[in-house]
Structure formats: C-alpha cells, structure tokens
N, C-alpha and C. Protein backbone atom coordinates (compact mmCIF):
# COMPACT_ATOMS: atom_id res chain seq x y z
N MET A 1 36.54 -82.53 140.10
CA MET A 1 36.13 -83.91 140.29
C MET A 1 36.10 -84.59 138.92
N ARG A 2 36.56 -85.81 138.85
CA ARG A 2 36.58 -86.57 137.60
C ARG A 2 35.98 -87.94 137.86
N PHE A 3 35.13 -88.36 136.92
CA PHE A 3 34.47 -89.66 137.00
C PHE A 3 35.06 -90.56 135.93
N ASP A 4 35.62 -91.68 136.32
CA ASP A 4 36.24 -92.62 135.38
C ASP A 4 35.16 -93.57 134.83
N GLN A 5 34.61 -93.22 133.67
CA GLN A 5 33.52 -93.99 133.08
C GLN A 5 33.92 -95.42 132.76
N VAL A 6 35.12 -95.62 132.26
CA VAL A 6 35.56 -96.97 131.88
C VAL A 6 35.70 -97.85 133.12
N ALA A 7 36.35 -97.34 134.14
CA ALA A 7 36.51 -98.12 135.38
C ALA A 7 35.15 -98.39 136.02
N PHE A 8 34.27 -97.39 136.00
CA PHE A 8 32.94 -97.59 136.55
C PHE A 8 32.22 -98.70 135.79
N GLY A 9 32.28 -98.64 134.47
CA GLY A 9 31.62 -99.65 133.64
C GLY A 9 32.12 -101.06 133.93
N CYS A 10 33.42 -101.18 134.09
CA CYS A 10 34.00 -102.50 134.41
C CYS A 10 33.52 -103.00 135.77
N ARG A 11 33.52 -102.11 136.75
CA ARG A 11 33.07 -102.51 138.08
C ARG A 11 31.57 -102.84 138.08
N LEU A 12 30.80 -102.08 137.34
CA LEU A 12 29.37 -102.34 137.24
C LEU A 12 29.11 -103.72 136.62
N LYS A 13 29.78 -104.01 135.53
CA LYS A 13 29.61 -105.30 134.85
C LYS A 13 30.02 -106.45 135.76
N GLU A 14 31.16 -106.30 136.42
CA GLU A 14 31.65 -107.33 137.32
C GLU A 14 30.67 -107.57 138.47
N THR A 15 30.17 -106.49 139.04
CA THR A 15 29.23 -106.60 140.17
C THR A 15 27.92 -107.24 139.72
N ARG A 16 27.44 -106.84 138.55
CA ARG A 16 26.21 -107.43 138.01
C ARG A 16 26.37 -108.93 137.84
N LYS A 17 27.50 -109.35 137.30
CA LYS A 17 27.74 -110.78 137.08
C LYS A 17 27.87 -111.54 138.40
N VAL A 18 28.56 -110.95 139.37
CA VAL A 18 28.70 -111.58 140.69
C VAL A 18 27.32 -111.78 141.33
N ARG A 19 26.43 -110.83 141.10
CA ARG A 19 25.08 -110.93 141.64
C ARG A 19 24.19 -111.88 140.83
N GLY A 20 24.73 -112.42 139.74
CA GLY A 20 23.99 -113.39 138.93
C GLY A 20 22.91 -112.77 138.07
N LEU A 21 23.10 -111.51 137.69
CA LEU A 21 22.11 -110.82 136.87
C LEU A 21 22.59 -110.66 135.43
N THR A 22 21.67 -110.77 134.51
CA THR A 22 21.97 -110.46 133.11
C THR A 22 21.77 -108.97 132.90
N GLN A 23 22.25 -108.47 131.78
CA GLN A 23 22.00 -107.07 131.46
C GLN A 23 20.50 -106.81 131.37
N GLU A 24 19.79 -107.74 130.79
CA GLU A 24 18.34 -107.59 130.65
C GLU A 24 17.65 -107.46 132.01
N GLN A 25 18.07 -108.28 132.95
CA GLN A 25 17.45 -108.26 134.28
C GLN A 25 17.75 -106.95 135.00
N LEU A 26 19.01 -106.53 135.01
CA LEU A 26 19.37 -105.29 135.70
C LEU A 26 18.72 -104.09 135.02
N ALA A 27 18.72 -104.08 133.70
CA ALA A 27 18.10 -102.97 132.97
C ALA A 27 16.61 -102.86 133.32
N ALA A 28 15.95 -103.98 133.44
CA ALA A 28 14.52 -103.98 133.79
C ALA A 28 14.30 -103.42 135.20
N VAL A 29 15.17 -103.77 136.12
CA VAL A 29 15.03 -103.31 137.51
C VAL A 29 15.17 -101.79 137.60
N VAL A 30 16.09 -101.22 136.83
CA VAL A 30 16.32 -99.77 136.90
C VAL A 30 15.61 -99.02 135.76
N ASN A 31 14.78 -99.73 135.02
CA ASN A 31 13.96 -99.13 133.97
C ASN A 31 14.78 -98.41 132.91
N MET A 32 15.70 -99.13 132.28
CA MET A 32 16.51 -98.58 131.19
C MET A 32 16.65 -99.64 130.11
N SER A 33 17.09 -99.25 128.95
CA SER A 33 17.29 -100.22 127.87
C SER A 33 18.59 -100.99 128.09
N THR A 34 18.66 -102.18 127.54
CA THR A 34 19.89 -102.96 127.63
C THR A 34 21.00 -102.31 126.83
N VAL A 35 20.66 -101.60 125.77
CA VAL A 35 21.67 -100.89 124.98
C VAL A 35 22.32 -99.81 125.83
N HIS A 36 21.51 -99.04 126.55
CA HIS A 36 22.05 -97.99 127.43
C HIS A 36 22.94 -98.61 128.51
N LEU A 37 22.47 -99.67 129.15
CA LEU A 37 23.26 -100.33 130.18
C LEU A 37 24.56 -100.86 129.59
N GLY A 38 24.49 -101.46 128.42
CA GLY A 38 25.69 -101.98 127.76
C GLY A 38 26.70 -100.88 127.48
N ASN A 39 26.22 -99.71 127.05
CA ASN A 39 27.12 -98.59 126.79
C ASN A 39 27.75 -98.07 128.07
N ILE A 40 27.01 -98.09 129.17
CA ILE A 40 27.58 -97.70 130.46
C ILE A 40 28.67 -98.69 130.85
N GLU A 41 28.39 -99.98 130.71
CA GLU A 41 29.37 -101.00 131.07
C GLU A 41 30.63 -100.92 130.21
N LEU A 42 30.50 -100.45 128.99
CA LEU A 42 31.66 -100.29 128.10
C LEU A 42 32.40 -98.97 128.32
N GLY A 43 31.85 -98.12 129.19
CA GLY A 43 32.48 -96.83 129.46
C GLY A 43 32.19 -95.80 128.40
N LYS A 44 31.19 -96.04 127.57
CA LYS A 44 30.83 -95.11 126.50
C LYS A 44 29.83 -94.06 126.95
N ARG A 45 29.18 -94.29 128.08
CA ARG A 45 28.18 -93.38 128.60
C ARG A 45 28.43 -93.13 130.08
N GLY A 46 28.22 -91.90 130.50
CA GLY A 46 28.26 -91.57 131.91
C GLY A 46 26.89 -91.81 132.51
N ILE A 47 26.76 -91.54 133.79
CA ILE A 47 25.46 -91.74 134.44
C ILE A 47 25.16 -90.57 135.36
N SER A 48 23.90 -90.40 135.66
CA SER A 48 23.47 -89.37 136.60
C SER A 48 23.59 -89.92 138.02
N ILE A 49 23.54 -89.02 138.97
CA ILE A 49 23.59 -89.45 140.38
C ILE A 49 22.34 -90.26 140.70
N ASP A 50 21.22 -89.92 140.09
CA ASP A 50 19.99 -90.68 140.32
C ASP A 50 20.13 -92.12 139.85
N LEU A 51 20.72 -92.30 138.68
CA LEU A 51 20.93 -93.65 138.17
C LEU A 51 21.95 -94.40 139.02
N LEU A 52 22.97 -93.70 139.48
CA LEU A 52 23.95 -94.32 140.36
C LEU A 52 23.28 -94.85 141.63
N LEU A 53 22.37 -94.06 142.18
CA LEU A 53 21.64 -94.50 143.37
C LEU A 53 20.77 -95.72 143.06
N GLU A 54 20.10 -95.71 141.93
CA GLU A 54 19.25 -96.84 141.55
C GLU A 54 20.07 -98.11 141.33
N LEU A 55 21.20 -97.98 140.64
CA LEU A 55 22.06 -99.14 140.41
C LEU A 55 22.62 -99.67 141.72
N SER A 56 23.02 -98.77 142.60
CA SER A 56 23.54 -99.19 143.90
C SER A 56 22.50 -99.98 144.67
N ASP A 57 21.29 -99.49 144.64
CA ASP A 57 20.19 -100.16 145.33
C ASP A 57 19.91 -101.53 144.69
N ALA A 58 19.85 -101.56 143.37
CA ALA A 58 19.55 -102.81 142.66
C ALA A 58 20.63 -103.87 142.88
N LEU A 59 21.87 -103.42 143.00
CA LEU A 59 22.99 -104.36 143.18
C LEU A 59 23.34 -104.57 144.65
N ASP A 60 22.63 -103.90 145.54
CA ASP A 60 22.83 -104.01 146.98
C ASP A 60 24.26 -103.66 147.39
N VAL A 61 24.71 -102.50 146.90
CA VAL A 61 26.02 -101.97 147.30
C VAL A 61 25.83 -100.54 147.78
N SER A 62 26.74 -100.08 148.61
CA SER A 62 26.66 -98.72 149.12
C SER A 62 27.31 -97.76 148.12
N MET A 63 27.08 -96.50 148.32
CA MET A 63 27.72 -95.50 147.48
C MET A 63 29.24 -95.52 147.67
N ARG A 64 29.69 -95.93 148.82
CA ARG A 64 31.14 -96.03 149.07
C ARG A 64 31.81 -97.06 148.16
N PHE A 65 31.03 -98.01 147.70
CA PHE A 65 31.53 -99.04 146.79
C PHE A 65 32.11 -98.41 145.52
N TRP A 66 31.55 -97.30 145.09
CA TRP A 66 31.98 -96.64 143.84
C TRP A 66 33.00 -95.53 144.10
N LYS A 67 33.27 -95.19 145.36
CA LYS A 67 34.06 -94.01 145.71
C LYS A 67 35.43 -93.93 145.02
N SER A 68 36.10 -95.04 144.88
CA SER A 68 37.44 -95.00 144.28
C SER A 68 37.42 -94.60 142.81
N LEU A 69 36.25 -94.59 142.20
CA LEU A 69 36.14 -94.25 140.78
C LEU A 69 35.89 -92.76 140.55
N ILE A 70 35.70 -92.03 141.64
CA ILE A 70 35.49 -90.59 141.55
C ILE A 70 36.69 -89.91 142.17
N ASN A 71 37.41 -89.16 141.35
CA ASN A 71 38.62 -88.48 141.81
C ASN A 71 38.31 -87.03 142.10
N PHE A 72 38.64 -86.59 143.31
CA PHE A 72 38.41 -85.20 143.70
C PHE A 72 39.67 -84.40 143.52
C-alpha cells in the first residue's frame, strides 16, 4: 500500500478552502499546529489514520473521499 502525501495535501488544502476554512480554523478543530497542517498540505508530512478520521469529520467528507490517494 502506498500513500501519496503530495496528492493528499493538495486535496486537503482544496477541500479546506471549499469549506471556507483557514488553516488556523481547521488546525484548531483537530487540535494541531498550523505549521503541522501546512506541512501536511505541502506533502511534507504524512498523517495517522486517527488524524485522517478527524480531518474527514471536520471537513464533512467520508473516508471514500480520500480512497484514490491510497494505492493498494
């Protein structure tokens, strides 16, 4: 299984913006620093499944929304 961090980061940033959230707002909702969130959006950091679940919940998307970014 391979996780495309860069593609995930792009999709995360795009989804956050569509939802009208700033990095500061989303970071506060999932209890992380804006620096960490920014690094995830740039594809410099991976994420845990727990964080993926929290982000999905915060952005009101299903786990299937991210499925194309995980290659089996």
